[in-house]
Protein backbone atom coordinates (compact mmCIF):
# COMPACT_ATOMS: atom_id res chain seq x y z
CA MET A 1 -2.36 7.30 -7.88
CA SER A 2 -4.07 10.23 -9.59
CA TYR A 3 -7.29 11.90 -8.55
CA ILE A 4 -9.55 14.57 -9.97
CA GLN A 5 -11.29 16.92 -7.57
CA THR A 6 -14.93 17.74 -8.17
CA GLN A 7 -17.44 19.43 -5.92
CA ASP A 8 -21.01 18.62 -4.99
CA LEU A 9 -22.37 21.88 -3.59
CA GLU A 10 -25.70 23.20 -2.47
CA ALA A 11 -26.06 26.97 -2.45
CA GLY A 12 -28.63 29.11 -0.69
CA VAL A 13 -29.75 31.06 -3.73
CA VAL A 14 -33.11 32.46 -4.66
CA ALA A 15 -34.73 33.76 -7.83
CA THR A 16 -37.98 35.20 -9.11
CA ALA A 17 -39.26 34.53 -12.64
CA ARG A 18 -41.36 37.00 -14.54
CA ASN A 19 -42.09 35.37 -17.88
CA THR A 20 -38.48 34.66 -18.90
CA ARG A 21 -36.84 37.39 -16.79
CA ILE A 22 -35.13 36.73 -13.47
CA GLU A 23 -34.19 39.32 -10.88
CA VAL A 24 -30.73 38.93 -9.34
CA GLY A 25 -28.89 40.22 -6.31
CA ILE A 26 -25.67 39.65 -4.36
CA GLY A 27 -24.99 37.40 -1.37
CA GLU A 28 -23.10 34.37 -0.05
CA PRO A 29 -23.89 30.77 -1.12
CA ARG A 30 -24.55 28.01 1.42
CA ARG A 31 -22.18 25.07 0.91
CA THR A 32 -22.93 21.46 1.84
CA GLY A 33 -19.25 20.71 2.47
CA ILE A 34 -19.42 17.63 0.22
CA THR A 35 -16.43 17.05 -2.06
CA ALA A 36 -16.12 14.07 -4.41
CA TRP A 37 -12.79 12.62 -5.47
CA VAL A 38 -12.96 10.71 -8.74
CA ARG A 39 -10.17 8.39 -9.89
CA LYS A 40 -8.93 8.64 -13.47
CA THR A 41 -10.57 5.49 -14.87
CA TYR A 42 -13.52 5.25 -17.19
CA LEU A 43 -15.44 3.21 -14.62
CA ALA A 44 -15.11 5.74 -11.79
CA LYS A 45 -15.79 8.75 -14.00
CA TYR A 46 -18.82 7.18 -15.68
CA ASN A 47 -20.40 6.08 -12.41
CA PHE A 48 -19.82 9.57 -10.99
CA CYS A 49 -21.79 11.07 -13.89
CA ALA A 50 -24.49 8.40 -13.59
CA LYS A 51 -25.02 9.24 -9.92
CA ASN A 52 -25.28 12.93 -10.77
CA ARG A 53 -27.89 12.18 -13.46
CA ASN A 54 -29.86 9.99 -11.04
CA HIS A 55 -30.19 12.98 -8.72
CA PHE A 56 -32.84 14.31 -11.10
CA LEU A 57 -34.58 11.00 -11.90
CA CYS A 58 -37.26 8.95 -10.17
CA ASP A 59 -36.44 5.41 -9.00
CA GLU A 60 -37.95 3.77 -12.11
CA GLY A 61 -35.79 5.75 -14.52
CA LYS A 62 -32.47 5.75 -12.69
CA LYS A 63 -29.34 4.95 -14.66
CA LYS A 64 -27.44 1.73 -13.97
CA MET A 65 -23.88 1.69 -12.65
CA MET A 66 -20.96 0.03 -14.43
CA ARG A 67 -19.25 -2.83 -12.66
CA GLY A 68 -15.64 -3.81 -12.09
CA GLY A 69 -14.68 -2.80 -8.60
CA HIS A 70 -10.94 -2.57 -8.02
CA LEU A 71 -10.19 -4.72 -11.08
CA LEU A 72 -11.08 -1.86 -13.39
CA LEU A 73 -10.69 0.98 -10.92
CA TYR A 74 -6.91 0.88 -10.74
CA ARG A 75 -4.97 0.96 -14.00
CA PRO A 76 -1.80 -0.48 -12.40
CA VAL A 77 -3.83 -3.58 -11.51
CA ILE A 78 -4.89 -3.96 -15.14
CA LEU A 79 -1.28 -3.67 -16.27
CA VAL A 80 -0.06 -6.24 -13.74
CA LEU A 81 -2.78 -8.74 -14.67
CA ALA A 82 -2.15 -8.25 -18.39
CA ILE A 83 1.57 -8.93 -17.87
CA ALA A 84 0.73 -11.95 -15.71
CA SER A 85 -1.47 -13.28 -18.53
CA ILE A 86 1.34 -12.87 -21.07
CA VAL A 87 3.87 -14.55 -18.78
CA SER A 88 1.43 -17.41 -18.18
CA CYS A 89 1.10 -17.89 -21.94
CA ILE A 90 4.88 -18.12 -22.26
CA LEU A 91 5.20 -20.56 -19.36
CA SER A 92 2.38 -22.71 -20.70
CA ARG A 93 4.62 -23.83 -23.56
CA ASN A 94 6.32 -26.13 -21.08
CA THR A 95 3.57 -26.52 -18.47
CA LYS A 96 0.01 -26.41 -19.82
CA GLY A 97 -1.45 -25.64 -16.41
CA TYR A 98 -0.23 -22.04 -16.51
CA VAL A 99 -2.60 -21.22 -19.35
CA ALA A 100 -5.51 -21.37 -16.88
CA VAL A 101 -4.30 -18.07 -15.37
CA THR A 102 -4.52 -16.35 -18.74
CA ILE A 103 -7.95 -17.78 -19.52
CA ILE A 104 -9.46 -16.84 -16.15
CA ILE A 105 -8.12 -13.27 -16.13
CA SER A 106 -9.12 -12.72 -19.76
CA LEU A 107 -12.64 -14.04 -19.23
CA ILE A 108 -13.18 -11.75 -16.24
CA TYR A 109 -12.16 -8.65 -18.16
CA LEU A 110 -14.03 -9.66 -21.29
CA LEU A 111 -17.28 -10.13 -19.37
CA LEU A 112 -16.83 -6.87 -17.48
CA SER A 113 -16.03 -4.93 -20.65
CA ILE A 114 -19.02 -6.34 -22.51
CA TYR A 115 -21.31 -5.63 -19.55
CA ASN A 116 -20.08 -2.05 -19.18
CA LEU A 117 -20.49 -1.36 -22.89
CA TYR A 118 -24.03 -2.71 -22.63
CA ILE A 119 -24.79 -0.51 -19.61
CA GLY A 120 -23.40 2.55 -21.36
CA GLY A 121 -25.55 1.92 -24.40
CA LYS A 122 -28.68 1.16 -22.38
CA ASN A 123 -28.31 4.23 -20.16
CA GLY A 124 -28.00 6.58 -23.09
CA SER A 125 -27.11 10.19 -22.35
CA LEU A 126 -26.15 11.16 -18.79
CA LEU A 127 -26.74 14.84 -19.50
CA ASP A 128 -30.02 16.73 -19.14
CA SER A 129 -30.50 20.02 -20.98
CA ILE A 130 -33.07 21.18 -18.41
CA HIS A 131 -31.59 20.45 -14.98
CA MET A 132 -27.92 20.17 -16.00
CA LEU A 133 -26.58 23.38 -17.49
CA ARG A 134 -23.21 23.86 -19.15
CA VAL A 135 -21.32 26.98 -18.13
CA ARG A 136 -17.93 28.53 -18.80
CA SER A 137 -14.90 27.21 -16.92
CA ARG A 138 -14.41 30.54 -15.19
CA ASP A 139 -17.84 30.16 -13.58
CA LEU A 140 -16.66 27.02 -11.76
CA PRO A 141 -13.24 27.78 -10.28
CA GLY A 142 -11.66 24.67 -8.76
CA SER A 143 -14.37 22.20 -9.81
CA ILE A 144 -16.06 20.77 -12.89
CA ASN A 145 -19.63 20.69 -11.56
CA GLU A 146 -21.75 22.07 -8.74
CA PHE A 147 -25.30 21.58 -7.49
CA PHE A 148 -27.59 24.46 -6.50
CA LYS A 149 -31.08 24.83 -5.08
CA ILE A 150 -33.00 27.83 -6.35
CA PRO A 151 -36.15 28.80 -4.40
CA ILE A 152 -39.13 29.64 -6.55
CA HIS A 153 -39.69 33.10 -5.07
CA GLY A 154 -37.05 35.63 -4.09
CA ARG A 155 -33.80 37.06 -5.40
CA ILE A 156 -30.48 35.39 -6.21
CA GLN A 157 -28.00 35.92 -3.39
CA ASP A 158 -24.84 34.63 -5.07
CA GLN A 159 -22.84 36.98 -7.29
CA ARG A 160 -21.35 34.06 -9.23
CA LEU A 161 -24.82 32.77 -10.11
CA VAL A 162 -25.88 36.09 -11.59
CA GLY A 163 -24.11 35.38 -14.88
CA ILE A 164 -25.15 31.71 -14.90
CA VAL A 165 -28.83 32.50 -14.37
CA ASN A 166 -28.80 35.30 -16.93
CA GLU A 167 -27.26 32.94 -19.48
CA HIS A 168 -29.91 30.27 -18.87
CA ASN A 169 -32.80 32.47 -17.72
CA THR A 170 -35.33 30.87 -20.08
CA ILE A 171 -34.64 27.37 -18.74
CA ILE A 172 -34.64 28.53 -15.11
CA ALA A 173 -37.96 30.33 -15.65
CA GLN A 174 -39.40 27.16 -17.24
CA LEU A 175 -38.34 25.04 -14.26
CA GLN A 176 -39.83 27.54 -11.84
CA ALA A 177 -43.12 27.58 -13.76
CA GLU A 178 -43.30 23.75 -13.73
CA SER A 179 -42.42 23.40 -10.01
CA THR A 180 -45.85 24.38 -8.71
CA HIS A 181 -45.72 21.94 -5.78
CA SER A 182 -42.19 22.75 -4.67
CA SER A 183 -40.58 25.73 -3.00
CA GLU A 184 -37.29 25.32 -4.86
CA ILE A 185 -35.72 23.75 -7.93
CA ASP A 186 -32.54 21.69 -8.27
CA ILE A 187 -29.97 22.35 -10.96
CA MET A 188 -26.44 21.20 -11.67
CA VAL A 189 -23.99 23.35 -13.59
CA TYR A 190 -20.92 21.87 -15.27
CA GLU A 191 -18.06 22.89 -17.51
CA LYS A 192 -16.61 21.28 -20.65
CA ALA A 193 -14.23 18.99 -18.72
CA TYR A 194 -17.25 17.22 -17.19
CA GLU A 195 -18.26 15.94 -20.64
CA LEU A 196 -14.90 14.19 -20.96
CA TYR A 197 -15.97 11.92 -18.08
CA LEU A 198 -18.44 10.33 -20.50
CA ASN A 199 -15.75 9.16 -22.94
CA TYR A 200 -15.57 5.58 -21.70
CA LYS A 201 -15.85 3.64 -24.96
CA MET A 202 -12.25 3.82 -26.17
CA GLU A 203 -10.75 2.55 -22.91
CA CYS A 204 -13.42 -0.10 -22.49
CA ILE A 205 -12.98 -1.37 -26.07
CA PHE A 206 -9.19 -1.42 -25.57
CA HIS A 207 -9.63 -3.75 -22.57
CA LEU A 208 -11.99 -5.88 -24.62
CA ILE A 209 -9.56 -6.28 -27.54
CA LEU A 210 -6.50 -6.80 -25.32
CA PHE A 211 -7.98 -9.60 -23.24
CA LEU A 212 -9.75 -11.16 -26.22
CA ILE A 213 -6.34 -11.56 -27.89
CA LEU A 214 -4.90 -13.02 -24.69
CA LEU A 215 -7.86 -15.41 -24.36
CA ILE A 216 -7.51 -16.64 -27.94
CA THR A 217 -3.78 -17.08 -27.45
CA GLY A 218 -4.32 -18.97 -24.21
CA ILE A 219 -6.91 -21.31 -25.74
CA ALA A 220 -4.66 -21.95 -28.74
CA LEU A 221 -1.73 -22.89 -26.49
CA ALA A 222 -3.95 -25.09 -24.32
CA SER A 223 -5.19 -27.02 -27.37
CA ASP A 224 -1.68 -27.78 -28.70
């Protein structure tokens, strides 16, 4: 089974905004020690991104999670059930009762695929150009995204953040100016690989077509 390592970090960094300029310094970040392991399926990767987006949203606007549990989480399970559906279709030529296996499995995956496509469309984008900032891969060694808290007043104490803040200093200054009732602001930085986690449609549509064909075949054999 394959896994992708990502990191959910919280760094003790500080910054001061003067118009759109930010003063920086050097220091050590404070880590939360939280590491997320995301399986290589569209369901797991999408829900991971949805949870990250919800970190910056109020309860009313939170994104919905896709559904499927272990049925869609493990690709070997999908392969086994697809083969079982095909075998059931073949066996149903002699014993009609076997076709029920194909119909049940196909219906489950069809409903899940349709629901997940609906959730993906309803949620819209899981990226935020204000709180979620794209950086170069070299700025995130060993991970595809990290979370940071930046106090409103002070100086940055993380050498790695110096380049990130300078690159996005206008956005950071805007967040600091808007956070009048808070002592710090939350941001998430991510690299290009993080965006690939949002490419769920092709795999989801493949499941939809595959099990739709199996369902039609099963119904046709049952009606003979």
